[in-house]
Amino acid sequence: MKSLLESLRDLARPGEEQLAIQPAGAHKPDEIALDFDDALKYWKPRLWTSLSSAQREALSDVDARLSIMSGSANSQLWSEEAVLSDPAWTELRQLARRAAALLEGGT
């Protein structure tokens, strides 16, 4: 299981890098999101109470952004081209960078 910080770092990578680290044959955009979702589900009950309110809020922001991006109405966001060029993915990466920085800094 990836650490929460590692999953955030991967989520914050440029689109080209995000796609490159995903397994061949996988639906790469889904895998990018699932890596974070799996890590959050695993680590949240183990770490949540030890995190600061800013850290919890930043993680919740990333999770909420992914929820907003999900669903059949947003299917256009789940292509490799969208990972590379859609503003929703750019915003997601910014949120992930903020959350990772907060987790690294401990505040």
PDB file of N, CA and C in Angstrom:
ATOM      1  N   MET A   1       0.851  -1.189   0.000  1.00  0.00           N
ATOM      2  CA  MET A   1       0.000   0.000   0.000  1.00  0.00           C
ATOM      3  C   MET A   1       0.886   1.239   0.000  1.00  0.00           C
ATOM      4  N   LYS A   2       0.586   2.140  -0.931  1.00  0.00           N
ATOM      5  CA  LYS A   2       1.317   3.398  -0.979  1.00  0.00           C
ATOM      6  C   LYS A   2       0.994   4.234   0.251  1.00  0.00           C
ATOM      7  N   SER A   3       1.969   5.031   0.646  1.00  0.00           N
ATOM      8  CA  SER A   3       1.679   5.986   1.709  1.00  0.00           C
ATOM      9  C   SER A   3       0.785   7.075   1.136  1.00  0.00           C
ATOM     10  N   LEU A   4       0.111   7.760   2.016  1.00  0.00           N
ATOM     11  CA  LEU A   4      -0.753   8.858   1.585  1.00  0.00           C
ATOM     12  C   LEU A   4       0.075   9.946   0.919  1.00  0.00           C
ATOM     13  N   LEU A   5       1.234  10.240   1.469  1.00  0.00           N
ATOM     14  CA  LEU A   5       2.102  11.257   0.889  1.00  0.00           C
ATOM     15  C   LEU A   5       2.581  10.849  -0.495  1.00  0.00           C
ATOM     16  N   GLU A   6       2.968   9.599  -0.650  1.00  0.00           N
ATOM     17  CA  GLU A   6       3.416   9.107  -1.959  1.00  0.00           C
ATOM     18  C   GLU A   6       2.290   9.199  -2.988  1.00  0.00           C
ATOM     19  N   SER A   7       1.080   8.856  -2.590  1.00  0.00           N
ATOM     20  CA  SER A   7      -0.041   8.926  -3.533  1.00  0.00           C
ATOM     21  C   SER A   7      -0.327  10.376  -3.922  1.00  0.00           C
ATOM     22  N   LEU A   8      -0.170  11.302  -2.978  1.00  0.00           N
ATOM     23  CA  LEU A   8      -0.349  12.724  -3.291  1.00  0.00           C
ATOM     24  C   LEU A   8       0.738  13.223  -4.236  1.00  0.00           C
ATOM     25  N   ARG A   9       1.953  12.811  -3.973  1.00  0.00           N
ATOM     26  CA  ARG A   9       3.058  13.213  -4.865  1.00  0.00           C
ATOM     27  C   ARG A   9       2.802  12.733  -6.281  1.00  0.00           C
ATOM     28  N   ASP A  10       2.322  11.492  -6.420  1.00  0.00           N
ATOM     29  CA  ASP A  10       2.013  10.969  -7.753  1.00  0.00           C
ATOM     30  C   ASP A  10       0.867  11.751  -8.394  1.00  0.00           C
ATOM     31  N   LEU A  11      -0.121  12.099  -7.589  1.00  0.00           N
ATOM     32  CA  LEU A  11      -1.265  12.853  -8.097  1.00  0.00           C
ATOM     33  C   LEU A  11      -0.859  14.269  -8.504  1.00  0.00           C
ATOM     34  N   ALA A  12       0.193  14.790  -7.902  1.00  0.00           N
ATOM     35  CA  ALA A  12       0.656  16.146  -8.194  1.00  0.00           C
ATOM     36  C   ALA A  12       1.609  16.210  -9.389  1.00  0.00           C
ATOM     37  N   ARG A  13       2.064  15.070  -9.875  1.00  0.00           N
ATOM     38  CA  ARG A  13       3.006  15.047 -11.003  1.00  0.00           C
ATOM     39  C   ARG A  13       2.388  15.667 -12.254  1.00  0.00           C
ATOM     40  N   PRO A  14       3.214  16.156 -13.161  1.00  0.00           N
ATOM     41  CA  PRO A  14       2.698  16.577 -14.469  1.00  0.00           C
ATOM     42  C   PRO A  14       1.984  15.411 -15.152  1.00  0.00           C
ATOM     43  N   GLY A  15       1.026  15.721 -15.988  1.00  0.00           N
ATOM     44  CA  GLY A  15       0.218  14.702 -16.641  1.00  0.00           C
ATOM     45  C   GLY A  15       1.017  13.629 -17.346  1.00  0.00           C
ATOM     46  N   GLU A  16       2.082  14.030 -18.048  1.00  0.00           N
ATOM     47  CA  GLU A  16       2.898  13.057 -18.774  1.00  0.00           C
ATOM     48  C   GLU A  16       3.502  12.040 -17.806  1.00  0.00           C
ATOM     49  N   GLU A  17       3.968  12.525 -16.654  1.00  0.00           N
ATOM     50  CA  GLU A  17       4.553  11.622 -15.659  1.00  0.00           C
ATOM     51  C   GLU A  17       3.488  10.743 -15.020  1.00  0.00           C
ATOM     52  N   GLN A  18       2.319  11.314 -14.756  1.00  0.00           N
ATOM     53  CA  GLN A  18       1.235  10.524 -14.179  1.00  0.00           C
ATOM     54  C   GLN A  18       0.912   9.338 -15.075  1.00  0.00           C
ATOM     55  N   LEU A  19       0.796   9.593 -16.350  1.00  0.00           N
ATOM     56  CA  LEU A  19       0.462   8.514 -17.289  1.00  0.00           C
ATOM     57  C   LEU A  19       1.594   7.504 -17.397  1.00  0.00           C
ATOM     58  N   ALA A  20       2.836   7.978 -17.378  1.00  0.00           N
ATOM     59  CA  ALA A  20       3.994   7.100 -17.563  1.00  0.00           C
ATOM     60  C   ALA A  20       4.165   6.105 -16.415  1.00  0.00           C
ATOM     61  N   ILE A  21       3.753   6.465 -15.204  1.00  0.00           N
ATOM     62  CA  ILE A  21       3.975   5.565 -14.067  1.00  0.00           C
ATOM     63  C   ILE A  21       2.849   4.541 -13.887  1.00  0.00           C
ATOM     64  N   GLN A  22       1.828   4.631 -14.700  1.00  0.00           N
ATOM     65  CA  GLN A  22       0.713   3.688 -14.590  1.00  0.00           C
ATOM     66  C   GLN A  22       1.016   2.422 -15.382  1.00  0.00           C
ATOM     67  N   PRO A  23       0.456   1.305 -14.942  1.00  0.00           N
ATOM     68  CA  PRO A  23       0.747   0.031 -15.619  1.00  0.00           C
ATOM     69  C   PRO A  23       0.239   0.009 -17.060  1.00  0.00           C
ATOM     70  N   ALA A  24       1.003  -0.630 -17.912  1.00  0.00           N
ATOM     71  CA  ALA A  24       0.587  -0.823 -19.303  1.00  0.00           C
ATOM     72  C   ALA A  24      -0.699  -1.637 -19.315  1.00  0.00           C
ATOM     73  N   GLY A  25      -1.588  -1.284 -20.196  1.00  0.00           N
ATOM     74  CA  GLY A  25      -2.838  -2.009 -20.331  1.00  0.00           C
ATOM     75  C   GLY A  25      -3.937  -1.554 -19.390  1.00  0.00           C
ATOM     76  N   ALA A  26      -3.596  -0.714 -18.433  1.00  0.00           N
ATOM     77  CA  ALA A  26      -4.592  -0.202 -17.487  1.00  0.00           C
ATOM     78  C   ALA A  26      -5.259   1.032 -18.083  1.00  0.00           C
ATOM     79  N   HIS A  27      -6.442   1.344 -17.595  1.00  0.00           N
ATOM     80  CA  HIS A  27      -7.055   2.621 -17.947  1.00  0.00           C
ATOM     81  C   HIS A  27      -6.386   3.651 -17.048  1.00  0.00           C
ATOM     82  N   LYS A  28      -5.369   4.295 -17.577  1.00  0.00           N
ATOM     83  CA  LYS A  28      -4.454   5.103 -16.790  1.00  0.00           C
ATOM     84  C   LYS A  28      -5.114   6.240 -16.009  1.00  0.00           C
ATOM     85  N   PRO A  29      -6.046   6.996 -16.587  1.00  0.00           N
ATOM     86  CA  PRO A  29      -6.679   8.049 -15.779  1.00  0.00           C
ATOM     87  C   PRO A  29      -7.378   7.493 -14.539  1.00  0.00           C
ATOM     88  N   ASP A  30      -8.063   6.373 -14.700  1.00  0.00           N
ATOM     89  CA  ASP A  30      -8.714   5.746 -13.544  1.00  0.00           C
ATOM     90  C   ASP A  30      -7.686   5.345 -12.495  1.00  0.00           C
ATOM     91  N   GLU A  31      -6.593   4.747 -12.944  1.00  0.00           N
ATOM     92  CA  GLU A  31      -5.557   4.284 -12.013  1.00  0.00           C
ATOM     93  C   GLU A  31      -4.943   5.442 -11.232  1.00  0.00           C
ATOM     94  N   ILE A  32      -4.768   6.570 -11.879  1.00  0.00           N
ATOM     95  CA  ILE A  32      -4.223   7.752 -11.198  1.00  0.00           C
ATOM     96  C   ILE A  32      -5.108   8.110 -10.008  1.00  0.00           C
ATOM     97  N   ALA A  33      -6.407   8.164 -10.247  1.00  0.00           N
ATOM     98  CA  ALA A  33      -7.351   8.518  -9.187  1.00  0.00           C
ATOM     99  C   ALA A  33      -7.472   7.403  -8.151  1.00  0.00           C
ATOM    100  N   LEU A  34      -7.491   6.165  -8.598  1.00  0.00           N
ATOM    101  CA  LEU A  34      -7.661   5.040  -7.676  1.00  0.00           C
ATOM    102  C   LEU A  34      -6.479   4.889  -6.720  1.00  0.00           C
ATOM    103  N   ASP A  35      -5.277   5.211  -7.179  1.00  0.00           N
ATOM    104  CA  ASP A  35      -4.115   5.138  -6.291  1.00  0.00           C
ATOM    105  C   ASP A  35      -4.318   6.037  -5.074  1.00  0.00           C
ATOM    106  N   PHE A  36      -4.776   7.266  -5.325  1.00  0.00           N
ATOM    107  CA  PHE A  36      -5.027   8.170  -4.201  1.00  0.00           C
ATOM    108  C   PHE A  36      -6.205   7.679  -3.370  1.00  0.00           C
ATOM    109  N   ASP A  37      -7.280   7.293  -4.030  1.00  0.00           N
ATOM    110  CA  ASP A  37      -8.471   6.857  -3.312  1.00  0.00           C
ATOM    111  C   ASP A  37      -8.166   5.661  -2.408  1.00  0.00           C
ATOM    112  N   ASP A  38      -7.414   4.703  -2.928  1.00  0.00           N
ATOM    113  CA  ASP A  38      -7.044   3.527  -2.126  1.00  0.00           C
ATOM    114  C   ASP A  38      -6.196   3.931  -0.923  1.00  0.00           C
ATOM    115  N   ALA A  39      -5.229   4.805  -1.145  1.00  0.00           N
ATOM    116  CA  ALA A  39      -4.362   5.247  -0.044  1.00  0.00           C
ATOM    117  C   ALA A  39      -5.168   6.017   0.999  1.00  0.00           C
ATOM    118  N   LEU A  40      -6.062   6.880   0.555  1.00  0.00           N
ATOM    119  CA  LEU A  40      -6.869   7.648   1.498  1.00  0.00           C
ATOM    120  C   LEU A  40      -7.757   6.722   2.330  1.00  0.00           C
ATOM    121  N   LYS A  41      -8.393   5.774   1.676  1.00  0.00           N
ATOM    122  CA  LYS A  41      -9.260   4.831   2.401  1.00  0.00           C
ATOM    123  C   LYS A  41      -8.474   4.011   3.418  1.00  0.00           C
ATOM    124  N   TYR A  42      -7.253   3.644   3.066  1.00  0.00           N
ATOM    125  CA  TYR A  42      -6.435   2.844   3.973  1.00  0.00           C
ATOM    126  C   TYR A  42      -5.908   3.690   5.133  1.00  0.00           C
ATOM    127  N   TRP A  43      -5.363   4.860   4.825  1.00  0.00           N
ATOM    128  CA  TRP A  43      -4.672   5.664   5.834  1.00  0.00           C
ATOM    129  C   TRP A  43      -5.583   6.562   6.648  1.00  0.00           C
ATOM    130  N   LYS A  44      -6.710   6.941   6.118  1.00  0.00           N
ATOM    131  CA  LYS A  44      -7.579   7.880   6.840  1.00  0.00           C
ATOM    132  C   LYS A  44      -7.928   7.396   8.249  1.00  0.00           C
ATOM    133  N   PRO A  45      -8.400   6.173   8.435  1.00  0.00           N
ATOM    134  CA  PRO A  45      -8.734   5.757   9.803  1.00  0.00           C
ATOM    135  C   PRO A  45      -7.501   5.614  10.705  1.00  0.00           C
ATOM    136  N   ARG A  46      -6.338   5.483  10.113  1.00  0.00           N
ATOM    137  CA  ARG A  46      -5.114   5.314  10.888  1.00  0.00           C
ATOM    138  C   ARG A  46      -4.447   6.634  11.240  1.00  0.00           C
ATOM    139  N   LEU A  47      -4.663   7.676  10.438  1.00  0.00           N
ATOM    140  CA  LEU A  47      -3.923   8.929  10.599  1.00  0.00           C
ATOM    141  C   LEU A  47      -4.777  10.150  10.895  1.00  0.00           C
ATOM    142  N   TRP A  48      -6.048  10.111  10.551  1.00  0.00           N
ATOM    143  CA  TRP A  48      -6.879  11.321  10.511  1.00  0.00           C
ATOM    144  C   TRP A  48      -6.784  12.149  11.793  1.00  0.00           C
ATOM    145  N   THR A  49      -6.878  11.509  12.938  1.00  0.00           N
ATOM    146  CA  THR A  49      -6.883  12.261  14.194  1.00  0.00           C
ATOM    147  C   THR A  49      -5.520  12.873  14.512  1.00  0.00           C
ATOM    148  N   SER A  50      -4.465  12.373  13.903  1.00  0.00           N
ATOM    149  CA  SER A  50      -3.140  12.936  14.155  1.00  0.00           C
ATOM    150  C   SER A  50      -2.796  14.080  13.196  1.00  0.00           C
ATOM    151  N   LEU A  51      -3.643  14.318  12.225  1.00  0.00           N
ATOM    152  CA  LEU A  51      -3.395  15.385  11.247  1.00  0.00           C
ATOM    153  C   LEU A  51      -3.963  16.706  11.748  1.00  0.00           C
ATOM    154  N   SER A  52      -3.352  17.787  11.300  1.00  0.00           N
ATOM    155  CA  SER A  52      -3.867  19.115  11.630  1.00  0.00           C
ATOM    156  C   SER A  52      -5.137  19.381  10.829  1.00  0.00           C
ATOM    157  N   SER A  53      -5.876  20.377  11.238  1.00  0.00           N
ATOM    158  CA  SER A  53      -7.099  20.720  10.496  1.00  0.00           C
ATOM    159  C   SER A  53      -6.759  21.146   9.066  1.00  0.00           C
ATOM    160  N   ALA A  54      -5.645  21.829   8.873  1.00  0.00           N
ATOM    161  CA  ALA A  54      -5.240  22.241   7.519  1.00  0.00           C
ATOM    162  C   ALA A  54      -4.916  21.027   6.654  1.00  0.00           C
ATOM    163  N   GLN A  55      -4.247  20.042   7.233  1.00  0.00           N
ATOM    164  CA  GLN A  55      -3.931  18.819   6.487  1.00  0.00           C
ATOM    165  C   GLN A  55      -5.196  18.061   6.123  1.00  0.00           C
ATOM    166  N   ARG A  56      -6.099  17.921   7.087  1.00  0.00           N
ATOM    167  CA  ARG A  56      -7.364  17.218   6.818  1.00  0.00           C
ATOM    168  C   ARG A  56      -8.166  17.948   5.742  1.00  0.00           C
ATOM    169  N   GLU A  57      -8.208  19.270   5.825  1.00  0.00           N
ATOM    170  CA  GLU A  57      -8.941  20.054   4.831  1.00  0.00           C
ATOM    171  C   GLU A  57      -8.332  19.885   3.442  1.00  0.00           C
ATOM    172  N   ALA A  58      -7.005  19.903   3.356  1.00  0.00           N
ATOM    173  CA  ALA A  58      -6.336  19.747   2.059  1.00  0.00           C
ATOM    174  C   ALA A  58      -6.613  18.372   1.458  1.00  0.00           C
ATOM    175  N   LEU A  59      -6.579  17.330   2.285  1.00  0.00           N
ATOM    176  CA  LEU A  59      -6.899  15.986   1.795  1.00  0.00           C
ATOM    177  C   LEU A  59      -8.356  15.900   1.357  1.00  0.00           C
ATOM    178  N   SER A  60      -9.234  16.507   2.122  1.00  0.00           N
ATOM    179  CA  SER A  60     -10.659  16.523   1.767  1.00  0.00           C
ATOM    180  C   SER A  60     -10.884  17.274   0.466  1.00  0.00           C
ATOM    181  N   ASP A  61     -10.116  18.330   0.227  1.00  0.00           N
ATOM    182  CA  ASP A  61     -10.233  19.088  -1.027  1.00  0.00           C
ATOM    183  C   ASP A  61      -9.866  18.226  -2.231  1.00  0.00           C
ATOM    184  N   VAL A  62      -8.794  17.446  -2.092  1.00  0.00           N
ATOM    185  CA  VAL A  62      -8.395  16.548  -3.182  1.00  0.00           C
ATOM    186  C   VAL A  62      -9.489  15.511  -3.424  1.00  0.00           C
ATOM    187  N   ASP A  63      -9.967  14.909  -2.352  1.00  0.00           N
ATOM    188  CA  ASP A  63     -11.009  13.895  -2.460  1.00  0.00           C
ATOM    189  C   ASP A  63     -12.281  14.473  -3.077  1.00  0.00           C
ATOM    190  N   ALA A  64     -12.643  15.674  -2.661  1.00  0.00           N
ATOM    191  CA  ALA A  64     -13.847  16.321  -3.206  1.00  0.00           C
ATOM    192  C   ALA A  64     -13.687  16.636  -4.690  1.00  0.00           C
ATOM    193  N   ARG A  65     -12.507  17.093  -5.086  1.00  0.00           N
ATOM    194  CA  ARG A  65     -12.259  17.397  -6.504  1.00  0.00           C
ATOM    195  C   ARG A  65     -12.417  16.132  -7.335  1.00  0.00           C
ATOM    196  N   LEU A  66     -11.889  15.022  -6.860  1.00  0.00           N
ATOM    197  CA  LEU A  66     -12.047  13.763  -7.594  1.00  0.00           C
ATOM    198  C   LEU A  66     -13.513  13.355  -7.671  1.00  0.00           C
ATOM    199  N   SER A  67     -14.257  13.569  -6.609  1.00  0.00           N
ATOM    200  CA  SER A  67     -15.694  13.246  -6.623  1.00  0.00           C
ATOM    201  C   SER A  67     -16.432  14.102  -7.641  1.00  0.00           C
ATOM    202  N   ILE A  68     -16.096  15.368  -7.688  1.00  0.00           N
ATOM    203  CA  ILE A  68     -16.722  16.287  -8.658  1.00  0.00           C
ATOM    204  C   ILE A  68     -16.402  15.854 -10.087  1.00  0.00           C
ATOM    205  N   MET A  69     -15.199  15.362 -10.302  1.00  0.00           N
ATOM    206  CA  MET A  69     -14.774  14.944 -11.639  1.00  0.00           C
ATOM    207  C   MET A  69     -15.405  13.617 -12.061  1.00  0.00           C
ATOM    208  N   SER A  70     -15.930  12.863 -11.127  1.00  0.00           N
ATOM    209  CA  SER A  70     -16.437  11.516 -11.404  1.00  0.00           C
ATOM    210  C   SER A  70     -17.853  11.543 -11.964  1.00  0.00           C
ATOM    211  N   GLY A  71     -18.299  10.401 -12.399  1.00  0.00           N
ATOM    212  CA  GLY A  71     -19.657  10.240 -12.895  1.00  0.00           C
ATOM    213  C   GLY A  71     -19.742  10.325 -14.405  1.00  0.00           C
ATOM    214  N   SER A  72     -20.814   9.784 -14.923  1.00  0.00           N
ATOM    215  CA  SER A  72     -20.972   9.709 -16.384  1.00  0.00           C
ATOM    216  C   SER A  72     -21.048  11.087 -17.037  1.00  0.00           C
ATOM    217  N   ALA A  73     -21.522  12.078 -16.312  1.00  0.00           N
ATOM    218  CA  ALA A  73     -21.599  13.433 -16.877  1.00  0.00           C
ATOM    219  C   ALA A  73     -20.210  14.010 -17.141  1.00  0.00           C
ATOM    220  N   ASN A  74     -19.197  13.442 -16.501  1.00  0.00           N
ATOM    221  CA  ASN A  74     -17.827  13.933 -16.667  1.00  0.00           C
ATOM    222  C   ASN A  74     -16.917  12.917 -17.340  1.00  0.00           C
ATOM    223  N   SER A  75     -17.471  12.032 -18.112  1.00  0.00           N
ATOM    224  CA  SER A  75     -16.676  10.972 -18.739  1.00  0.00           C
ATOM    225  C   SER A  75     -15.547  11.530 -19.612  1.00  0.00           C
ATOM    226  N   GLN A  76     -15.732  12.738 -20.149  1.00  0.00           N
ATOM    227  CA  GLN A  76     -14.702  13.346 -20.991  1.00  0.00           C
ATOM    228  C   GLN A  76     -13.421  13.641 -20.211  1.00  0.00           C
ATOM    229  N   LEU A  77     -13.499  13.669 -18.884  1.00  0.00           N
ATOM    230  CA  LEU A  77     -12.317  13.949 -18.061  1.00  0.00           C
ATOM    231  C   LEU A  77     -11.430  12.728 -17.859  1.00  0.00           C
ATOM    232  N   TRP A  78     -11.904  11.566 -18.276  1.00  0.00           N
ATOM    233  CA  TRP A  78     -11.209  10.331 -17.959  1.00  0.00           C
ATOM    234  C   TRP A  78     -10.518   9.704 -19.171  1.00  0.00           C
ATOM    235  N   SER A  79      -9.944  10.571 -19.976  1.00  0.00           N
ATOM    236  CA  SER A  79      -9.110  10.124 -21.098  1.00  0.00           C
ATOM    237  C   SER A  79      -7.678  10.593 -20.833  1.00  0.00           C
ATOM    238  N   GLU A  80      -6.745   9.961 -21.511  1.00  0.00           N
ATOM    239  CA  GLU A  80      -5.348  10.379 -21.361  1.00  0.00           C
ATOM    240  C   GLU A  80      -5.161  11.817 -21.838  1.00  0.00           C
ATOM    241  N   GLU A  81      -5.853  12.192 -22.889  1.00  0.00           N
ATOM    242  CA  GLU A  81      -5.771  13.577 -23.379  1.00  0.00           C
ATOM    243  C   GLU A  81      -6.241  14.559 -22.315  1.00  0.00           C
ATOM    244  N   ALA A  82      -7.317  14.226 -21.603  1.00  0.00           N
ATOM    245  CA  ALA A  82      -7.814  15.106 -20.539  1.00  0.00           C
ATOM    246  C   ALA A  82      -6.792  15.239 -19.419  1.00  0.00           C
ATOM    247  N   VAL A  83      -6.142  14.125 -19.049  1.00  0.00           N
ATOM    248  CA  VAL A  83      -5.103  14.182 -18.011  1.00  0.00           C
ATOM    249  C   VAL A  83      -4.037  15.199 -18.408  1.00  0.00           C
ATOM    250  N   LEU A  84      -3.719  15.240 -19.691  1.00  0.00           N
ATOM    251  CA  LEU A  84      -2.668  16.128 -20.177  1.00  0.00           C
ATOM    252  C   LEU A  84      -3.106  17.578 -20.332  1.00  0.00           C
ATOM    253  N   SER A  85      -4.395  17.804 -20.613  1.00  0.00           N
ATOM    254  CA  SER A  85      -4.752  19.169 -21.014  1.00  0.00           C
ATOM    255  C   SER A  85      -5.972  19.778 -20.344  1.00  0.00           C
ATOM    256  N   ASP A  86      -6.777  19.020 -19.654  1.00  0.00           N
ATOM    257  CA  ASP A  86      -8.002  19.587 -19.097  1.00  0.00           C
ATOM    258  C   ASP A  86      -7.714  20.376 -17.818  1.00  0.00           C
ATOM    259  N   PRO A  87      -8.307  21.555 -17.688  1.00  0.00           N
ATOM    260  CA  PRO A  87      -8.106  22.377 -16.486  1.00  0.00           C
ATOM    261  C   PRO A  87      -8.520  21.677 -15.184  1.00  0.00           C
ATOM    262  N   ALA A  88      -9.452  20.749 -15.251  1.00  0.00           N
ATOM    263  CA  ALA A  88      -9.848  20.025 -14.040  1.00  0.00           C
ATOM    264  C   ALA A  88      -8.674  19.223 -13.483  1.00  0.00           C
ATOM    265  N   TRP A  89      -7.889  18.627 -14.360  1.00  0.00           N
ATOM    266  CA  TRP A  89      -6.715  17.871 -13.920  1.00  0.00           C
ATOM    267  C   TRP A  89      -5.637  18.817 -13.402  1.00  0.00           C
ATOM    268  N   THR A  90      -5.504  19.972 -14.015  1.00  0.00           N
ATOM    269  CA  THR A  90      -4.545  20.964 -13.529  1.00  0.00           C
ATOM    270  C   THR A  90      -4.906  21.386 -12.115  1.00  0.00           C
ATOM    271  N   GLU A  91      -6.179  21.639 -11.874  1.00  0.00           N
ATOM    272  CA  GLU A  91      -6.628  22.021 -10.540  1.00  0.00           C
ATOM    273  C   GLU A  91      -6.409  20.880  -9.543  1.00  0.00           C
ATOM    274  N   LEU A  92      -6.694  19.670  -9.961  1.00  0.00           N
ATOM    275  CA  LEU A  92      -6.474  18.517  -9.098  1.00  0.00           C
ATOM    276  C   LEU A  92      -5.002  18.411  -8.706  1.00  0.00           C
ATOM    277  N   ARG A  93      -4.106  18.592  -9.655  1.00  0.00           N
ATOM    278  CA  ARG A  93      -2.671  18.536  -9.354  1.00  0.00           C
ATOM    279  C   ARG A  93      -2.271  19.636  -8.375  1.00  0.00           C
ATOM    280  N   GLN A  94      -2.844  20.823  -8.536  1.00  0.00           N
ATOM    281  CA  GLN A  94      -2.547  21.922  -7.605  1.00  0.00           C
ATOM    282  C   GLN A  94      -3.012  21.575  -6.193  1.00  0.00           C
ATOM    283  N   LEU A  95      -4.197  21.024  -6.069  1.00  0.00           N
ATOM    284  CA  LEU A  95      -4.702  20.613  -4.758  1.00  0.00           C
ATOM    285  C   LEU A  95      -3.829  19.519  -4.149  1.00  0.00           C
ATOM    286  N   ALA A  96      -3.391  18.584  -4.972  1.00  0.00           N
ATOM    287  CA  ALA A  96      -2.531  17.502  -4.489  1.00  0.00           C
ATOM    288  C   ALA A  96      -1.173  18.047  -4.037  1.00  0.00           C
ATOM    289  N   ARG A  97      -0.628  19.012  -4.765  1.00  0.00           N
ATOM    290  CA  ARG A  97       0.646  19.619  -4.355  1.00  0.00           C
ATOM    291  C   ARG A  97       0.503  20.315  -3.010  1.00  0.00           C
ATOM    292  N   ARG A  98      -0.598  21.027  -2.828  1.00  0.00           N
ATOM    293  CA  ARG A  98      -0.837  21.724  -1.558  1.00  0.00           C
ATOM    294  C   ARG A  98      -0.946  20.715  -0.414  1.00  0.00           C
ATOM    295  N   ALA A  99      -1.716  19.660  -0.626  1.00  0.00           N
ATOM    296  CA  ALA A  99      -1.889  18.647   0.416  1.00  0.00           C
ATOM    297  C   ALA A  99      -0.561  17.964   0.732  1.00  0.00           C
ATOM    298  N   ALA A 100       0.212  17.641  -0.291  1.00  0.00           N
ATOM    299  CA  ALA A 100       1.506  16.994  -0.064  1.00  0.00           C
ATOM    300  C   ALA A 100       2.427  17.917   0.719  1.00  0.00           C
ATOM    301  N   ALA A 101       2.440  19.194   0.364  1.00  0.00           N
ATOM    302  CA  ALA A 101       3.300  20.148   1.076  1.00  0.00           C
ATOM    303  C   ALA A 101       2.901  20.243   2.546  1.00  0.00           C
ATOM    304  N   LEU A 102       1.616  20.245   2.808  1.00  0.00           N
ATOM    305  CA  LEU A 102       1.144  20.298   4.199  1.00  0.00           C
ATOM    306  C   LEU A 102       1.512  19.033   4.965  1.00  0.00           C
ATOM    307  N   LEU A 103       1.391  17.882   4.320  1.00  0.00           N
ATOM    308  CA  LEU A 103       1.761  16.638   4.999  1.00  0.00           C
ATOM    309  C   LEU A 103       3.270  16.578   5.253  1.00  0.00           C
ATOM    310  N   GLU A 104       4.047  17.066   4.308  1.00  0.00           N
ATOM    311  CA  GLU A 104       5.510  17.077   4.476  1.00  0.00           C
ATOM    312  C   GLU A 104       5.917  18.050   5.575  1.00  0.00           C
ATOM    313  N   GLY A 105       5.220  19.185   5.643  1.00  0.00           N
ATOM    314  CA  GLY A 105       5.572  20.208   6.615  1.00  0.00           C
ATOM    315  C   GLY A 105       5.005  19.964   7.997  1.00  0.00           C
ATOM    316  N   GLY A 106       3.994  19.119   8.076  1.00  0.00           N
ATOM    317  CA  GLY A 106       3.437  18.782   9.363  1.00  0.00           C
ATOM    318  C   GLY A 106       2.528  19.814   9.978  1.00  0.00           C
ATOM    319  N   THR A 107       2.089  20.795   9.193  1.00  0.00           N
ATOM    320  CA  THR A 107       1.196  21.816   9.761  1.00  0.00           C
ATOM    321  C   THR A 107      -0.188  21.731   9.195  1.00  0.00           C
TER     322      THR A 107
END
